C-alpha cells in the first residue's frame, strides 16, 4: 500500500495504468488522469489516504 504518495507524470502503476496528469490534490486524497495500457482507455484514478476515512461519520 502506498500512503500519501504523489505520483510523477508518466509513471506506470501496477504494470497497467500510466499517469497522464494530476487533476486534484486535497487533504487525504489525490485524483489523477491515467491511461489503461491494455485498452488505451483514459480513466480517473483516485488515491485515498487511510487517514481520510477517520473523518467520516457513519450513522446507523
C-alpha atoms as a PDB file:
ATOM      1  CA  UNK A   1       0.000   0.000   0.000  1.00  0.00           C
ATOM      2  CA  UNK A   2       1.307   3.455  -0.904  1.00  0.00           C
ATOM      3  CA  UNK A   3       0.310   6.195   1.500  1.00  0.00           C
ATOM      4  CA  UNK A   4       0.491   9.948   0.949  1.00  0.00           C
ATOM      5  CA  UNK A   5       2.348   9.422  -2.318  1.00  0.00           C
ATOM      6  CA  UNK A   6       2.346  11.849  -5.220  1.00  0.00           C
ATOM      7  CA  UNK A   7       2.932  10.015  -8.482  1.00  0.00           C
ATOM      8  CA  UNK A   8       5.048  11.662 -11.185  1.00  0.00           C
ATOM      9  CA  UNK A   9       3.643  12.105 -14.689  1.00  0.00           C
ATOM     10  CA  UNK A  10       4.244   9.098 -16.988  1.00  0.00           C
ATOM     11  CA  UNK A  11       4.880   6.597 -14.161  1.00  0.00           C
ATOM     12  CA  UNK A  12       3.096   3.270 -14.735  1.00  0.00           C
ATOM     13  CA  UNK A  13       1.294   1.756 -11.759  1.00  0.00           C
ATOM     14  CA  UNK A  14       0.716  -1.972 -11.393  1.00  0.00           C
ATOM     15  CA  UNK A  15       2.215  -2.512 -14.879  1.00  0.00           C
ATOM     16  CA  UNK A  16      -1.031  -1.128 -16.310  1.00  0.00           C
ATOM     17  CA  UNK A  17      -2.050   2.474 -15.537  1.00  0.00           C
ATOM     18  CA  UNK A  18       0.107   5.314 -16.861  1.00  0.00           C
ATOM     19  CA  UNK A  19      -0.326   8.596 -15.020  1.00  0.00           C
ATOM     20  CA  UNK A  20      -1.017  11.390 -17.525  1.00  0.00           C
ATOM     21  CA  UNK A  21      -1.905  14.334 -15.238  1.00  0.00           C
ATOM     22  CA  UNK A  22      -2.704  15.209 -11.638  1.00  0.00           C
ATOM     23  CA  UNK A  23      -6.211  16.636 -11.575  1.00  0.00           C
ATOM     24  CA  UNK A  24      -6.596  17.401  -7.873  1.00  0.00           C
ATOM     25  CA  UNK A  25      -4.670  17.186  -4.641  1.00  0.00           C
ATOM     26  CA  UNK A  26      -6.550  17.718  -1.392  1.00  0.00           C
ATOM     27  CA  UNK A  27      -6.024  16.560   2.160  1.00  0.00           C
ATOM     28  CA  UNK A  28      -6.312  12.793   2.227  1.00  0.00           C
ATOM     29  CA  UNK A  29      -6.957  12.311  -1.483  1.00  0.00           C
ATOM     30  CA  UNK A  30      -5.371  12.827  -4.874  1.00  0.00           C
ATOM     31  CA  UNK A  31      -7.010  12.456  -8.281  1.00  0.00           C
ATOM     32  CA  UNK A  32      -5.165  11.588 -11.493  1.00  0.00           C
ATOM     33  CA  UNK A  33      -5.928  11.170 -15.165  1.00  0.00           C
ATOM     34  CA  UNK A  34      -4.415   7.850 -16.233  1.00  0.00           C
ATOM     35  CA  UNK A  35      -4.420   5.624 -19.274  1.00  0.00           C
ATOM     36  CA  UNK A  36      -5.021   1.869 -19.139  1.00  0.00           C
ATOM     37  CA  UNK A  37      -2.102   0.404 -21.098  1.00  0.00           C
ATOM     38  CA  UNK A  38      -4.103  -2.697 -22.011  1.00  0.00           C
ATOM     39  CA  UNK A  39      -7.144  -0.967 -23.507  1.00  0.00           C
ATOM     40  CA  UNK A  40      -5.730   2.533 -24.180  1.00  0.00           C
ATOM     41  CA  UNK A  41      -8.808   3.982 -22.412  1.00  0.00           C
ATOM     42  CA  UNK A  42      -8.364   7.045 -20.204  1.00  0.00           C
ATOM     43  CA  UNK A  43      -9.551   6.639 -16.630  1.00  0.00           C
ATOM     44  CA  UNK A  44      -9.770   8.660 -13.431  1.00  0.00           C
ATOM     45  CA  UNK A  45      -7.655   7.241 -10.614  1.00  0.00           C
ATOM     46  CA  UNK A  46      -8.447   8.412  -7.075  1.00  0.00           C
ATOM     47  CA  UNK A  47      -5.971   7.650  -4.278  1.00  0.00           C
ATOM     48  CA  UNK A  48      -7.392   7.901  -0.764  1.00  0.00           C
ATOM     49  CA  UNK A  49      -5.319   8.067   2.398  1.00  0.00           C
ATOM     50  CA  UNK A  50      -6.438   5.672   5.175  1.00  0.00           C
ATOM     51  CA  UNK A  51      -6.465   8.709   7.495  1.00  0.00           C
ATOM     52  CA  UNK A  52      -9.118  10.316   5.302  1.00  0.00           C
ATOM     53  CA  UNK A  53     -11.670   7.676   6.342  1.00  0.00           C
ATOM     54  CA  UNK A  54     -11.200   8.581  10.007  1.00  0.00           C
ATOM     55  CA  UNK A  55     -13.038  11.864   9.298  1.00  0.00           C
ATOM     56  CA  UNK A  56     -16.163  10.081   8.035  1.00  0.00           C
ATOM     57  CA  UNK A  57     -19.056   9.595  10.380  1.00  0.00           C
ATOM     58  CA  UNK A  58     -21.470   6.776   9.707  1.00  0.00           C
ATOM     59  CA  UNK A  59     -24.872   6.887  11.378  1.00  0.00           C
ATOM     60  CA  UNK A  60     -26.722   3.609  11.527  1.00  0.00           C
END
